Amino acid sequence: MDKSLYHQLARLTTEAQDPAYRRLDREPLRQVLERINAADITVPKAVRRCLPEIEAATRLVIATWQGGGRLLYAGAGTSGRLGVLDASELPPTFGLDHTRAVGLIAGGKPTLVRSREGVEDSASNGARAVGRAKVGSKDCLIAIAASRRTPFTLGALASAKARGARTIFLVANPNAIDGQIEEADVVIAVVVGPEVVAGSTRMKAGTAQKLVLNMITTTAMVQMGTTYENWMVDLQATSAKLRERSKRILALTADIDYEEADKILRQAKGSVKRALVMAKLGCSAREADRRLKAADGLVYRALGEH
């Protein structure tokens, strides 16, 4: 028995029962769907209240990537899967090297597809995961835990901090657990309240985590020049769809036809960013690269736009 944990859970907003849903098991199907939808609508407002902390976290991520470091995520269950998901989507969308965004999940890769409850209960496992990843002072770790008390995640957070890494703690409860040490540079507490199904943090809390991670990494990538206007120009064309998307982006932004876009992309060795500068300025790939380097990768600056 762990009576202290029992009482700890009783104080968490994510574990509370909302009286509004006490008859959920007796409601008709459509009404349950409406209930969940109405609850989900409240999540963006909760995220908005955390914009100052999200901005601070985004600045840490930008500084990390610009300084040659990696962004790592650590979590268990839904939180861990969302971290791995965010890390895995950055390379194809923004051209980020896959080694520079790394997801650490309690239980390792098998828990991505099959839940293994209990693997989250060891802080030392979190610390070991950070050690195996060789986290250092150039890196940044986003620890994700809806409950704010997950041992694996806290162990990863403490280890990353001890190794000199920048740290961000993304949670869904407003207050730290009594006696718990949270040495994070930025704490983002998106308080979404009790879940429709009490304790099921894959719902509102998970949605909030996904929204915040999207905001942090997308904004960081935009600020670092991976878009032109709001087009993704550093995407990796690793599929037929993405190859055609690359041509479409170039054709629309440079006001050229499909055939010309295909030709210039070939000359640019598939780089939309390079091809765009070539097409708009009528210059060589080498000149496009020179201009992009001088503009810190920002296409609008390389083109002389404001």
C-alpha atoms as a PDB file:
ATOM      1  CA  MET A   1       0.000   0.000   0.000  1.00  0.00           C
ATOM      2  CA  ASP A   2       1.078   3.589  -0.620  1.00  0.00           C
ATOM      3  CA  LYS A   3      -1.242   5.755   1.424  1.00  0.00           C
ATOM      4  CA  SER A   4       0.842   8.883   0.765  1.00  0.00           C
ATOM      5  CA  LEU A   5       0.361   8.467  -2.996  1.00  0.00           C
ATOM      6  CA  TYR A   6      -3.356   7.901  -2.420  1.00  0.00           C
ATOM      7  CA  HIS A   7      -3.658  11.259  -0.653  1.00  0.00           C
ATOM      8  CA  GLN A   8      -1.356  12.912  -3.190  1.00  0.00           C
ATOM      9  CA  LEU A   9      -3.608  11.913  -6.078  1.00  0.00           C
ATOM     10  CA  ALA A  10      -6.620  13.239  -4.182  1.00  0.00           C
ATOM     11  CA  ARG A  11      -5.131  16.744  -4.378  1.00  0.00           C
ATOM     12  CA  LEU A  12      -4.588  16.736  -8.151  1.00  0.00           C
ATOM     13  CA  THR A  13      -7.080  18.563 -10.360  1.00  0.00           C
ATOM     14  CA  THR A  14      -6.471  16.008 -13.108  1.00  0.00           C
ATOM     15  CA  GLU A  15      -7.645  13.221 -10.771  1.00  0.00           C
ATOM     16  CA  ALA A  16     -10.788  15.014  -9.569  1.00  0.00           C
ATOM     17  CA  GLN A  17     -14.342  14.114 -10.519  1.00  0.00           C
ATOM     18  CA  ASP A  18     -16.412  16.863 -12.111  1.00  0.00           C
ATOM     19  CA  PRO A  19     -19.967  16.516 -10.716  1.00  0.00           C
ATOM     20  CA  ALA A  20     -21.314  17.589 -14.106  1.00  0.00           C
ATOM     21  CA  TYR A  21     -20.385  14.181 -15.524  1.00  0.00           C
ATOM     22  CA  ARG A  22     -21.695  11.898 -12.763  1.00  0.00           C
ATOM     23  CA  ARG A  23     -24.398  10.478 -15.013  1.00  0.00           C
ATOM     24  CA  LEU A  24     -22.114  10.102 -18.029  1.00  0.00           C
ATOM     25  CA  ASP A  25     -22.603   6.329 -18.121  1.00  0.00           C
ATOM     26  CA  ARG A  26     -26.380   6.829 -18.504  1.00  0.00           C
ATOM     27  CA  GLU A  27     -26.390   9.495 -21.169  1.00  0.00           C
ATOM     28  CA  PRO A  28     -27.209   8.805 -24.843  1.00  0.00           C
ATOM     29  CA  LEU A  29     -24.315   8.498 -27.294  1.00  0.00           C
ATOM     30  CA  ARG A  30     -24.821  11.878 -28.969  1.00  0.00           C
ATOM     31  CA  GLN A  31     -24.930  13.646 -25.631  1.00  0.00           C
ATOM     32  CA  VAL A  32     -21.622  12.085 -24.538  1.00  0.00           C
ATOM     33  CA  LEU A  33     -20.039  13.300 -27.771  1.00  0.00           C
ATOM     34  CA  GLU A  34     -21.403  16.788 -27.164  1.00  0.00           C
ATOM     35  CA  ARG A  35     -20.072  16.720 -23.607  1.00  0.00           C
ATOM     36  CA  ILE A  36     -16.554  15.824 -24.736  1.00  0.00           C
ATOM     37  CA  ASN A  37     -16.621  18.428 -27.498  1.00  0.00           C
ATOM     38  CA  ALA A  38     -17.779  21.149 -25.089  1.00  0.00           C
ATOM     39  CA  ALA A  39     -14.985  20.230 -22.669  1.00  0.00           C
ATOM     40  CA  ASP A  40     -12.371  20.288 -25.435  1.00  0.00           C
ATOM     41  CA  ILE A  41     -13.387  23.817 -26.431  1.00  0.00           C
ATOM     42  CA  THR A  42     -12.106  25.060 -23.053  1.00  0.00           C
ATOM     43  CA  VAL A  43      -8.553  23.813 -23.683  1.00  0.00           C
ATOM     44  CA  PRO A  44      -7.279  26.597 -26.008  1.00  0.00           C
ATOM     45  CA  LYS A  45      -8.379  29.202 -23.454  1.00  0.00           C
ATOM     46  CA  ALA A  46      -6.348  27.437 -20.762  1.00  0.00           C
ATOM     47  CA  VAL A  47      -3.355  27.362 -23.115  1.00  0.00           C
ATOM     48  CA  ARG A  48      -3.748  31.068 -23.863  1.00  0.00           C
ATOM     49  CA  ARG A  49      -3.406  31.894 -20.171  1.00  0.00           C
ATOM     50  CA  CYS A  50       0.075  30.353 -20.311  1.00  0.00           C
ATOM     51  CA  LEU A  51       1.389  32.399 -23.253  1.00  0.00           C
ATOM     52  CA  PRO A  52       4.105  34.190 -21.195  1.00  0.00           C
ATOM     53  CA  GLU A  53       5.558  30.852 -20.074  1.00  0.00           C
ATOM     54  CA  ILE A  54       5.197  29.351 -23.549  1.00  0.00           C
ATOM     55  CA  GLU A  55       7.077  32.343 -24.994  1.00  0.00           C
ATOM     56  CA  ALA A  56       9.882  31.893 -22.463  1.00  0.00           C
ATOM     57  CA  ALA A  57      10.093  28.190 -23.293  1.00  0.00           C
ATOM     58  CA  THR A  58      10.204  28.909 -27.024  1.00  0.00           C
ATOM     59  CA  ARG A  59      13.115  31.294 -26.544  1.00  0.00           C
ATOM     60  CA  LEU A  60      14.990  28.523 -24.719  1.00  0.00           C
ATOM     61  CA  VAL A  61      14.376  26.125 -27.605  1.00  0.00           C
ATOM     62  CA  ILE A  62      15.546  28.670 -30.198  1.00  0.00           C
ATOM     63  CA  ALA A  63      18.704  29.369 -28.182  1.00  0.00           C
ATOM     64  CA  THR A  64      19.313  25.628 -27.939  1.00  0.00           C
ATOM     65  CA  TRP A  65      19.012  24.941 -31.657  1.00  0.00           C
ATOM     66  CA  GLN A  66      20.939  28.051 -32.639  1.00  0.00           C
ATOM     67  CA  GLY A  67      23.692  27.005 -30.241  1.00  0.00           C
ATOM     68  CA  GLY A  68      24.016  23.585 -31.847  1.00  0.00           C
ATOM     69  CA  GLY A  69      22.175  21.720 -29.103  1.00  0.00           C
ATOM     70  CA  ARG A  70      19.339  19.212 -29.139  1.00  0.00           C
ATOM     71  CA  LEU A  71      15.761  19.387 -27.952  1.00  0.00           C
ATOM     72  CA  LEU A  72      14.741  16.350 -25.938  1.00  0.00           C
ATOM     73  CA  TYR A  73      11.363  15.387 -24.540  1.00  0.00           C
ATOM     74  CA  ALA A  74      10.753  13.105 -21.556  1.00  0.00           C
ATOM     75  CA  GLY A  75       7.465  11.621 -20.415  1.00  0.00           C
ATOM     76  CA  ALA A  76       5.423   8.506 -19.726  1.00  0.00           C
ATOM     77  CA  GLY A  77       2.244   7.220 -21.347  1.00  0.00           C
ATOM     78  CA  THR A  78       0.359   9.826 -23.373  1.00  0.00           C
ATOM     79  CA  SER A  79       2.831  12.544 -22.356  1.00  0.00           C
ATOM     80  CA  GLY A  80       5.773  10.490 -23.572  1.00  0.00           C
ATOM     81  CA  ARG A  81       4.069   9.570 -26.835  1.00  0.00           C
ATOM     82  CA  LEU A  82       3.257  13.206 -27.557  1.00  0.00           C
ATOM     83  CA  GLY A  83       6.905  14.126 -27.025  1.00  0.00           C
ATOM     84  CA  VAL A  84       8.079  11.404 -29.405  1.00  0.00           C
ATOM     85  CA  LEU A  85       5.411  12.483 -31.905  1.00  0.00           C
ATOM     86  CA  ASP A  86       6.535  16.106 -31.852  1.00  0.00           C
ATOM     87  CA  ALA A  87      10.182  15.090 -32.263  1.00  0.00           C
ATOM     88  CA  SER A  88       9.421  12.747 -35.172  1.00  0.00           C
ATOM     89  CA  GLU A  89       7.404  15.334 -37.112  1.00  0.00           C
ATOM     90  CA  LEU A  90      10.022  18.103 -37.108  1.00  0.00           C
ATOM     91  CA  PRO A  91      12.455  16.593 -39.669  1.00  0.00           C
ATOM     92  CA  PRO A  92       9.956  16.085 -42.526  1.00  0.00           C
ATOM     93  CA  THR A  93       8.127  19.364 -41.851  1.00  0.00           C
ATOM     94  CA  PHE A  94      11.036  21.700 -41.213  1.00  0.00           C
ATOM     95  CA  GLY A  95      14.129  19.822 -42.394  1.00  0.00           C
ATOM     96  CA  LEU A  96      15.548  19.532 -38.875  1.00  0.00           C
ATOM     97  CA  ASP A  97      18.152  16.794 -38.524  1.00  0.00           C
ATOM     98  CA  HIS A  98      16.498  13.876 -36.716  1.00  0.00           C
ATOM     99  CA  THR A  99      19.297  13.785 -34.123  1.00  0.00           C
ATOM    100  CA  ARG A 100      18.379  17.281 -32.921  1.00  0.00           C
ATOM    101  CA  ALA A 101      14.889  16.388 -31.648  1.00  0.00           C
ATOM    102  CA  VAL A 102      14.758  13.268 -29.482  1.00  0.00           C
ATOM    103  CA  GLY A 103      11.853  11.753 -27.556  1.00  0.00           C
ATOM    104  CA  LEU A 104      12.499   9.767 -24.362  1.00  0.00           C
ATOM    105  CA  ILE A 105       9.555   7.667 -23.175  1.00  0.00           C
ATOM    106  CA  ALA A 106       9.266   5.511 -20.077  1.00  0.00           C
ATOM    107  CA  GLY A 107       9.598   1.886 -21.125  1.00  0.00           C
ATOM    108  CA  GLY A 108      11.307   2.733 -24.406  1.00  0.00           C
ATOM    109  CA  LYS A 109      10.021   2.204 -27.943  1.00  0.00           C
ATOM    110  CA  PRO A 110       7.658  -0.721 -27.122  1.00  0.00           C
ATOM    111  CA  THR A 111       5.452   1.626 -25.067  1.00  0.00           C
ATOM    112  CA  LEU A 112       4.778   3.767 -28.124  1.00  0.00           C
ATOM    113  CA  VAL A 113       2.335   1.142 -29.384  1.00  0.00           C
ATOM    114  CA  ARG A 114       1.464  -0.834 -26.263  1.00  0.00           C
ATOM    115  CA  SER A 115       0.859   0.677 -22.840  1.00  0.00           C
ATOM    116  CA  ARG A 116       2.994  -0.704 -20.020  1.00  0.00           C
ATOM    117  CA  GLU A 117       1.694   0.753 -16.798  1.00  0.00           C
ATOM    118  CA  GLY A 118       4.288   0.872 -14.039  1.00  0.00           C
ATOM    119  CA  VAL A 119       7.287   1.794 -16.174  1.00  0.00           C
ATOM    120  CA  GLU A 120       6.728   5.399 -15.107  1.00  0.00           C
ATOM    121  CA  ASP A 121       7.277   4.679 -11.416  1.00  0.00           C
ATOM    122  CA  SER A 122      11.086   4.878 -11.371  1.00  0.00           C
ATOM    123  CA  ALA A 123      12.878   8.222 -11.173  1.00  0.00           C
ATOM    124  CA  SER A 124      16.198   6.436 -11.677  1.00  0.00           C
ATOM    125  CA  ASN A 125      14.949   5.094 -15.027  1.00  0.00           C
ATOM    126  CA  GLY A 126      14.291   8.684 -16.117  1.00  0.00           C
ATOM    127  CA  ALA A 127      17.779   9.699 -15.047  1.00  0.00           C
ATOM    128  CA  ARG A 128      19.273   6.727 -16.883  1.00  0.00           C
ATOM    129  CA  ALA A 129      17.376   7.616 -20.069  1.00  0.00           C
ATOM    130  CA  VAL A 130      18.865  11.110 -19.924  1.00  0.00           C
ATOM    131  CA  GLY A 131      22.297   9.611 -19.300  1.00  0.00           C
ATOM    132  CA  ARG A 132      22.025   7.237 -22.252  1.00  0.00           C
ATOM    133  CA  ALA A 133      21.032  10.199 -24.434  1.00  0.00           C
ATOM    134  CA  LYS A 134      24.181  11.989 -23.231  1.00  0.00           C
ATOM    135  CA  VAL A 135      22.298  15.174 -22.430  1.00  0.00           C
ATOM    136  CA  GLY A 136      24.656  18.104 -21.940  1.00  0.00           C
ATOM    137  CA  SER A 137      24.821  21.828 -21.370  1.00  0.00           C
ATOM    138  CA  LYS A 138      24.002  22.656 -24.993  1.00  0.00           C
ATOM    139  CA  ASP A 139      20.725  20.738 -24.860  1.00  0.00           C
ATOM    140  CA  CYS A 140      17.182  21.511 -23.707  1.00  0.00           C
ATOM    141  CA  LEU A 141      14.753  19.017 -22.166  1.00  0.00           C
ATOM    142  CA  ILE A 142      10.976  19.363 -22.096  1.00  0.00           C
ATOM    143  CA  ALA A 143       9.637  17.186 -19.272  1.00  0.00           C
ATOM    144  CA  ILE A 144       5.942  16.405 -19.766  1.00  0.00           C
ATOM    145  CA  ALA A 145       3.689  15.158 -16.952  1.00  0.00           C
ATOM    146  CA  ALA A 146      -0.005  15.968 -16.672  1.00  0.00           C
ATOM    147  CA  SER A 147      -0.026  14.928 -12.998  1.00  0.00           C
ATOM    148  CA  ARG A 148       3.149  16.900 -12.217  1.00  0.00           C
ATOM    149  CA  ARG A 149       4.386  13.938 -10.142  1.00  0.00           C
ATOM    150  CA  THR A 150       5.442  11.186 -12.588  1.00  0.00           C
ATOM    151  CA  PRO A 151       8.680   9.720 -11.143  1.00  0.00           C
ATOM    152  CA  PHE A 152      10.248   8.851 -14.524  1.00  0.00           C
ATOM    153  CA  THR A 153       9.688  12.378 -15.780  1.00  0.00           C
ATOM    154  CA  LEU A 154      10.909  14.039 -12.587  1.00  0.00           C
ATOM    155  CA  GLY A 155      14.022  11.866 -12.663  1.00  0.00           C
ATOM    156  CA  ALA A 156      14.721  12.908 -16.249  1.00  0.00           C
ATOM    157  CA  LEU A 157      14.119  16.563 -15.394  1.00  0.00           C
ATOM    158  CA  ALA A 158      16.442  16.520 -12.382  1.00  0.00           C
ATOM    159  CA  SER A 159      19.185  14.703 -14.301  1.00  0.00           C
ATOM    160  CA  ALA A 160      19.000  17.101 -17.256  1.00  0.00           C
ATOM    161  CA  LYS A 161      19.190  20.077 -14.902  1.00  0.00           C
ATOM    162  CA  ALA A 162      22.176  18.585 -13.087  1.00  0.00           C
ATOM    163  CA  ARG A 163      23.923  18.142 -16.434  1.00  0.00           C
ATOM    164  CA  GLY A 164      23.520  21.845 -17.200  1.00  0.00           C
ATOM    165  CA  ALA A 165      20.768  21.520 -19.818  1.00  0.00           C
ATOM    166  CA  ARG A 166      17.994  24.060 -20.238  1.00  0.00           C
ATOM    167  CA  THR A 167      14.763  22.640 -18.796  1.00  0.00           C
ATOM    168  CA  ILE A 168      11.036  23.107 -19.377  1.00  0.00           C
ATOM    169  CA  PHE A 169       8.285  21.385 -17.344  1.00  0.00           C
ATOM    170  CA  LEU A 170       4.887  21.037 -19.066  1.00  0.00           C
ATOM    171  CA  VAL A 171       2.126  20.048 -16.626  1.00  0.00           C
ATOM    172  CA  ALA A 172      -1.650  20.208 -16.102  1.00  0.00           C
ATOM    173  CA  ASN A 173      -1.827  20.856 -12.344  1.00  0.00           C
ATOM    174  CA  PRO A 174      -1.369  24.315 -10.836  1.00  0.00           C
ATOM    175  CA  ASN A 175       0.854  23.539  -7.851  1.00  0.00           C
ATOM    176  CA  ALA A 176       3.976  21.500  -7.176  1.00  0.00           C
ATOM    177  CA  ILE A 177       3.532  18.413  -5.028  1.00  0.00           C
ATOM    178  CA  ASP A 178       4.522  18.972  -1.378  1.00  0.00           C
ATOM    179  CA  GLY A 179       8.183  18.081  -0.896  1.00  0.00           C
ATOM    180  CA  GLN A 180       8.767  17.611  -4.620  1.00  0.00           C
ATOM    181  CA  ILE A 181      11.754  19.347  -6.195  1.00  0.00           C
ATOM    182  CA  GLU A 182      11.062  20.962  -9.579  1.00  0.00           C
ATOM    183  CA  GLU A 183      14.205  22.665 -10.798  1.00  0.00           C
ATOM    184  CA  ALA A 184      12.976  23.711 -14.240  1.00  0.00           C
ATOM    185  CA  ASP A 185      13.892  26.957 -15.967  1.00  0.00           C
ATOM    186  CA  VAL A 186      10.304  27.346 -17.161  1.00  0.00           C
ATOM    187  CA  VAL A 187       7.140  25.675 -15.811  1.00  0.00           C
ATOM    188  CA  ILE A 188       4.100  25.701 -18.102  1.00  0.00           C
ATOM    189  CA  ALA A 189       1.053  24.710 -16.048  1.00  0.00           C
ATOM    190  CA  VAL A 190      -1.939  24.447 -18.380  1.00  0.00           C
ATOM    191  CA  VAL A 191      -4.755  23.869 -15.901  1.00  0.00           C
ATOM    192  CA  VAL A 192      -7.601  22.277 -17.861  1.00  0.00           C
ATOM    193  CA  GLY A 193      -9.481  20.995 -14.818  1.00  0.00           C
ATOM    194  CA  PRO A 194     -11.052  17.566 -14.237  1.00  0.00           C
ATOM    195  CA  GLU A 195     -11.481  15.305 -17.254  1.00  0.00           C
ATOM    196  CA  VAL A 196     -14.841  14.161 -18.631  1.00  0.00           C
ATOM    197  CA  VAL A 197     -13.718  10.655 -17.617  1.00  0.00           C
ATOM    198  CA  ALA A 198     -12.064  11.361 -14.271  1.00  0.00           C
ATOM    199  CA  GLY A 199      -8.307  10.840 -14.371  1.00  0.00           C
ATOM    200  CA  SER A 200      -8.128  10.152 -18.121  1.00  0.00           C
ATOM    201  CA  THR A 201      -5.427  12.684 -18.947  1.00  0.00           C
ATOM    202  CA  ARG A 202      -5.192  11.521 -22.559  1.00  0.00           C
ATOM    203  CA  MET A 203      -8.204  13.820 -23.023  1.00  0.00           C
ATOM    204  CA  LYS A 204      -8.041  17.545 -22.179  1.00  0.00           C
ATOM    205  CA  ALA A 205      -4.574  17.405 -20.622  1.00  0.00           C
ATOM    206  CA  GLY A 206      -3.197  15.510 -23.624  1.00  0.00           C
ATOM    207  CA  THR A 207      -4.832  17.951 -26.025  1.00  0.00           C
ATOM    208  CA  ALA A 208      -3.274  20.857 -24.145  1.00  0.00           C
ATOM    209  CA  GLN A 209       0.163  19.214 -24.274  1.00  0.00           C
ATOM    210  CA  LYS A 210      -0.134  18.689 -28.024  1.00  0.00           C
ATOM    211  CA  LEU A 211      -1.177  22.314 -28.562  1.00  0.00           C
ATOM    212  CA  VAL A 212       1.698  23.678 -26.473  1.00  0.00           C
ATOM    213  CA  LEU A 213       4.326  21.481 -28.132  1.00  0.00           C
ATOM    214  CA  ASN A 214       3.004  22.522 -31.556  1.00  0.00           C
ATOM    215  CA  MET A 215       3.279  26.178 -30.550  1.00  0.00           C
ATOM    216  CA  ILE A 216       6.792  25.941 -29.130  1.00  0.00           C
ATOM    217  CA  THR A 217       8.499  24.013 -31.901  1.00  0.00           C
ATOM    218  CA  THR A 218       6.574  25.517 -34.827  1.00  0.00           C
ATOM    219  CA  THR A 219       7.280  29.053 -33.633  1.00  0.00           C
ATOM    220  CA  ALA A 220      10.934  28.213 -33.020  1.00  0.00           C
ATOM    221  CA  MET A 221      11.288  26.798 -36.527  1.00  0.00           C
ATOM    222  CA  VAL A 222       9.534  29.799 -38.111  1.00  0.00           C
ATOM    223  CA  GLN A 223      11.776  32.221 -36.218  1.00  0.00           C
ATOM    224  CA  MET A 224      14.813  30.288 -37.452  1.00  0.00           C
ATOM    225  CA  GLY A 225      13.869  30.723 -41.111  1.00  0.00           C
ATOM    226  CA  THR A 226      12.292  27.416 -42.079  1.00  0.00           C
ATOM    227  CA  THR A 227       9.301  29.125 -43.691  1.00  0.00           C
ATOM    228  CA  TYR A 228       8.798  31.734 -46.379  1.00  0.00           C
ATOM    229  CA  GLU A 229       5.595  33.633 -45.660  1.00  0.00           C
ATOM    230  CA  ASN A 230       3.751  30.679 -44.121  1.00  0.00           C
ATOM    231  CA  TRP A 231       4.998  28.064 -46.593  1.00  0.00           C
ATOM    232  CA  MET A 232       7.315  25.318 -45.328  1.00  0.00           C
ATOM    233  CA  VAL A 233      10.422  25.718 -47.468  1.00  0.00           C
ATOM    234  CA  ASP A 234      12.736  23.405 -45.551  1.00  0.00           C
ATOM    235  CA  LEU A 235      10.519  20.344 -45.836  1.00  0.00           C
ATOM    236  CA  GLN A 236      12.178  17.051 -46.731  1.00  0.00           C
ATOM    237  CA  ALA A 237      10.619  15.668 -49.919  1.00  0.00           C
ATOM    238  CA  THR A 238      10.739  12.028 -48.828  1.00  0.00           C
ATOM    239  CA  SER A 239       7.463  10.928 -50.454  1.00  0.00           C
ATOM    240  CA  ALA A 240       5.568  11.507 -53.688  1.00  0.00           C
ATOM    241  CA  LYS A 241       3.167  13.845 -51.876  1.00  0.00           C
ATOM    242  CA  LEU A 242       5.988  15.938 -50.429  1.00  0.00           C
ATOM    243  CA  ARG A 243       7.812  16.094 -53.774  1.00  0.00           C
ATOM    244  CA  GLU A 244       4.685  17.467 -55.426  1.00  0.00           C
ATOM    245  CA  ARG A 245       4.081  19.819 -52.498  1.00  0.00           C
ATOM    246  CA  SER A 246       7.603  21.176 -53.004  1.00  0.00           C
ATOM    247  CA  LYS A 247       6.849  21.935 -56.663  1.00  0.00           C
ATOM    248  CA  ARG A 248       3.533  23.536 -55.767  1.00  0.00           C
ATOM    249  CA  ILE A 249       5.108  25.784 -53.130  1.00  0.00           C
ATOM    250  CA  LEU A 250       7.794  26.901 -55.578  1.00  0.00           C
ATOM    251  CA  ALA A 251       5.328  27.455 -58.414  1.00  0.00           C
ATOM    252  CA  LEU A 252       2.996  29.545 -56.256  1.00  0.00           C
ATOM    253  CA  THR A 253       5.621  31.628 -54.450  1.00  0.00           C
ATOM    254  CA  ALA A 254       7.779  32.288 -57.523  1.00  0.00           C
ATOM    255  CA  ASP A 255       4.809  32.594 -59.924  1.00  0.00           C
ATOM    256  CA  ILE A 256       6.107  29.991 -62.365  1.00  0.00           C
ATOM    257  CA  ASP A 257       4.515  26.953 -64.010  1.00  0.00           C
ATOM    258  CA  TYR A 258       4.833  23.311 -62.966  1.00  0.00           C
ATOM    259  CA  GLU A 259       7.523  22.424 -65.516  1.00  0.00           C
ATOM    260  CA  GLU A 260       9.717  25.373 -64.575  1.00  0.00           C
ATOM    261  CA  ALA A 261       9.303  24.562 -60.880  1.00  0.00           C
ATOM    262  CA  ASP A 262      10.353  20.975 -61.512  1.00  0.00           C
ATOM    263  CA  LYS A 263      13.397  22.115 -63.490  1.00  0.00           C
ATOM    264  CA  ILE A 264      14.608  24.620 -60.890  1.00  0.00           C
ATOM    265  CA  LEU A 265      14.046  22.191 -58.044  1.00  0.00           C
ATOM    266  CA  ARG A 266      16.264  19.685 -59.816  1.00  0.00           C
ATOM    267  CA  GLN A 267      18.947  22.335 -60.198  1.00  0.00           C
ATOM    268  CA  ALA A 268      18.531  23.161 -56.492  1.00  0.00           C
ATOM    269  CA  LYS A 269      18.921  19.467 -55.598  1.00  0.00           C
ATOM    270  CA  GLY A 270      15.446  19.380 -54.092  1.00  0.00           C
ATOM    271  CA  SER A 271      15.859  22.336 -51.739  1.00  0.00           C
ATOM    272  CA  VAL A 272      12.726  24.499 -51.954  1.00  0.00           C
ATOM    273  CA  LYS A 273      14.460  27.317 -50.095  1.00  0.00           C
ATOM    274  CA  ARG A 274      17.405  27.382 -52.499  1.00  0.00           C
ATOM    275  CA  ALA A 275      15.110  26.981 -55.517  1.00  0.00           C
ATOM    276  CA  LEU A 276      12.908  29.845 -54.391  1.00  0.00           C
ATOM    277  CA  VAL A 277      15.815  32.294 -54.229  1.00  0.00           C
ATOM    278  CA  MET A 278      17.092  31.033 -57.583  1.00  0.00           C
ATOM    279  CA  ALA A 279      13.677  31.419 -59.213  1.00  0.00           C
ATOM    280  CA  LYS A 280      12.891  34.859 -57.816  1.00  0.00           C
ATOM    281  CA  LEU A 281      16.333  36.379 -58.394  1.00  0.00           C
ATOM    282  CA  GLY A 282      17.358  34.407 -61.472  1.00  0.00           C
ATOM    283  CA  CYS A 283      20.609  33.424 -59.791  1.00  0.00           C
ATOM    284  CA  SER A 284      22.692  30.264 -59.477  1.00  0.00           C
ATOM    285  CA  ALA A 285      22.439  27.733 -56.669  1.00  0.00           C
ATOM    286  CA  ARG A 286      25.772  28.962 -55.314  1.00  0.00           C
ATOM    287  CA  GLU A 287      24.580  32.573 -55.236  1.00  0.00           C
ATOM    288  CA  ALA A 288      21.319  31.495 -53.582  1.00  0.00           C
ATOM    289  CA  ASP A 289      23.298  29.699 -50.876  1.00  0.00           C
ATOM    290  CA  ARG A 290      25.505  32.741 -50.337  1.00  0.00           C
ATOM    291  CA  ARG A 291      22.492  35.002 -49.927  1.00  0.00           C
ATOM    292  CA  LEU A 292      20.749  32.577 -47.581  1.00  0.00           C
ATOM    293  CA  LYS A 293      23.838  32.251 -45.404  1.00  0.00           C
ATOM    294  CA  ALA A 294      24.179  36.025 -45.184  1.00  0.00           C
ATOM    295  CA  ALA A 295      20.495  36.243 -44.236  1.00  0.00           C
ATOM    296  CA  ASP A 296      20.773  33.586 -41.468  1.00  0.00           C
ATOM    297  CA  GLY A 297      18.539  31.298 -43.512  1.00  0.00           C
ATOM    298  CA  LEU A 298      15.616  33.751 -43.675  1.00  0.00           C
ATOM    299  CA  VAL A 299      14.323  33.688 -47.237  1.00  0.00           C
ATOM    300  CA  TYR A 300      12.637  37.090 -47.180  1.00  0.00           C
ATOM    301  CA  ARG A 301      15.931  38.693 -46.157  1.00  0.00           C
ATOM    302  CA  ALA A 302      17.845  36.788 -48.827  1.00  0.00           C
ATOM    303  CA  LEU A 303      15.376  38.214 -51.342  1.00  0.00           C
ATOM    304  CA  GLY A 304      15.779  41.749 -49.986  1.00  0.00           C
ATOM    305  CA  GLU A 305      12.178  41.888 -48.753  1.00  0.00           C
ATOM    306  CA  HIS A 306      10.908  43.489 -45.578  1.00  0.00           C
END
